[in-house]
Protein backbone atom coordinates (compact mmCIF):
# COMPACT_ATOMS: atom_id res chain seq x y z
CA UNK A 1 -2.61 -2.63 -24.62
CA UNK A 2 -5.27 -3.27 -22.03
CA UNK A 3 -4.27 -4.84 -18.73
CA UNK A 4 -6.07 -8.11 -17.98
CA UNK A 5 -6.85 -9.22 -14.45
CA UNK A 6 -4.09 -11.85 -14.68
CA UNK A 7 -1.54 -9.16 -15.53
CA UNK A 8 -2.75 -6.95 -12.68
CA UNK A 9 -2.34 -9.93 -10.34
CA UNK A 10 1.20 -10.50 -11.62
CA UNK A 11 2.02 -6.82 -11.08
CA UNK A 12 0.62 -7.05 -7.56
CA UNK A 13 2.78 -10.11 -6.79
CA UNK A 14 5.90 -8.14 -7.73
CA UNK A 15 4.91 -5.03 -5.77
CA UNK A 16 3.88 -6.99 -2.67
CA UNK A 17 7.37 -8.48 -2.24
CA UNK A 18 9.24 -7.31 0.88
CA UNK A 19 12.19 -6.12 -1.26
CA UNK A 20 10.01 -4.53 -3.97
CA UNK A 21 11.65 -1.14 -3.52
CA UNK A 22 14.96 -2.25 -4.97
CA UNK A 23 13.86 -4.60 -7.73
CA UNK A 24 10.24 -3.96 -8.72
CA UNK A 25 10.80 -1.54 -11.60
CA UNK A 26 13.34 -3.75 -13.37
CA UNK A 27 11.28 -6.87 -12.81
CA UNK A 28 8.12 -5.27 -14.23
CA UNK A 29 10.05 -3.97 -17.25
CA UNK A 30 11.33 -7.48 -17.87
CA UNK A 31 7.88 -9.08 -17.57
CA UNK A 32 5.95 -6.41 -19.49
CA UNK A 33 8.24 -5.05 -22.21
CA UNK A 34 5.35 -3.56 -24.23
CA UNK A 35 4.14 -1.35 -21.38
CA UNK A 36 5.39 2.20 -20.97
CA UNK A 37 6.81 2.52 -17.46
CA UNK A 38 8.01 5.37 -15.37
CA UNK A 39 8.92 5.81 -11.73
CA UNK A 40 8.78 8.85 -9.54
CA UNK A 41 8.21 9.95 -5.97
CA UNK A 42 4.64 9.51 -4.72
CA UNK A 43 4.47 13.24 -3.98
CA UNK A 44 4.92 13.94 -7.71
CA UNK A 45 1.54 12.42 -8.63
CA UNK A 46 -1.63 14.24 -7.59
CA UNK A 47 -4.14 11.67 -8.86
CA UNK A 48 -5.39 8.91 -6.58
CA UNK A 49 -3.48 5.66 -7.08
CA UNK A 50 -5.09 2.68 -8.79
CA UNK A 51 -3.64 0.49 -6.02
CA UNK A 52 -1.35 1.09 -3.07
CA UNK A 53 1.41 -1.20 -1.84
CA UNK A 54 3.94 -0.87 0.98
CA UNK A 55 6.68 0.69 -1.17
CA UNK A 56 4.72 2.07 -4.14
CA UNK A 57 1.52 3.65 -5.32
CA UNK A 58 0.54 2.14 -8.67
CA UNK A 59 -1.00 4.43 -11.27
CA UNK A 60 -2.19 3.31 -14.69
CA UNK A 61 -1.05 5.37 -17.64
CA UNK A 62 -3.13 5.94 -20.78
CA UNK A 63 -0.86 7.13 -23.58
CA UNK A 64 -3.16 6.13 -26.43
CA UNK A 65 -4.13 9.72 -27.24
CA UNK A 66 -1.98 12.72 -28.08
CA UNK A 67 -1.46 13.56 -24.40
CA UNK A 68 -0.74 10.88 -21.81
CA UNK A 69 -2.74 10.82 -18.60
CA UNK A 70 -3.54 8.75 -15.54
CA UNK A 71 -6.52 6.42 -15.81
CA UNK A 72 -8.29 4.10 -13.39
CA UNK A 73 -9.49 1.87 -16.24
CA UNK A 74 -7.23 -1.15 -16.91
CA UNK A 75 -8.82 -1.48 -20.37
CA UNK A 76 -7.29 1.88 -21.32
CA UNK A 77 -3.90 1.33 -19.68
CA UNK A 78 -0.86 1.44 -21.91
CA UNK A 79 1.64 1.81 -19.10
CA UNK A 80 2.41 2.04 -15.41
CA UNK A 81 3.63 4.74 -13.08
CA UNK A 82 5.39 3.42 -9.99
CA UNK A 83 5.29 6.19 -7.43
CA UNK A 84 7.74 5.42 -4.61
CA UNK A 85 6.30 5.92 -1.16
CA UNK A 86 8.48 7.39 1.59
């Protein structure tokens, strides 16, 4: 599943909310049930984020091959990693 610009904008709207830290993961799971999602601490991810928000770094996940990895290409994204910022 590639992420279209409209979907990236919708993701941004959720992550830009002042209370995104408490509700963002659940809200994104509800809106994008076909995407693989995971959350972790920002210090757990060494790759540069796709986008950065106040509470989270957003990484795109490509799990289309045998091994999953971080990608910066929305056309290859099959999921999201929400890395919580301290």
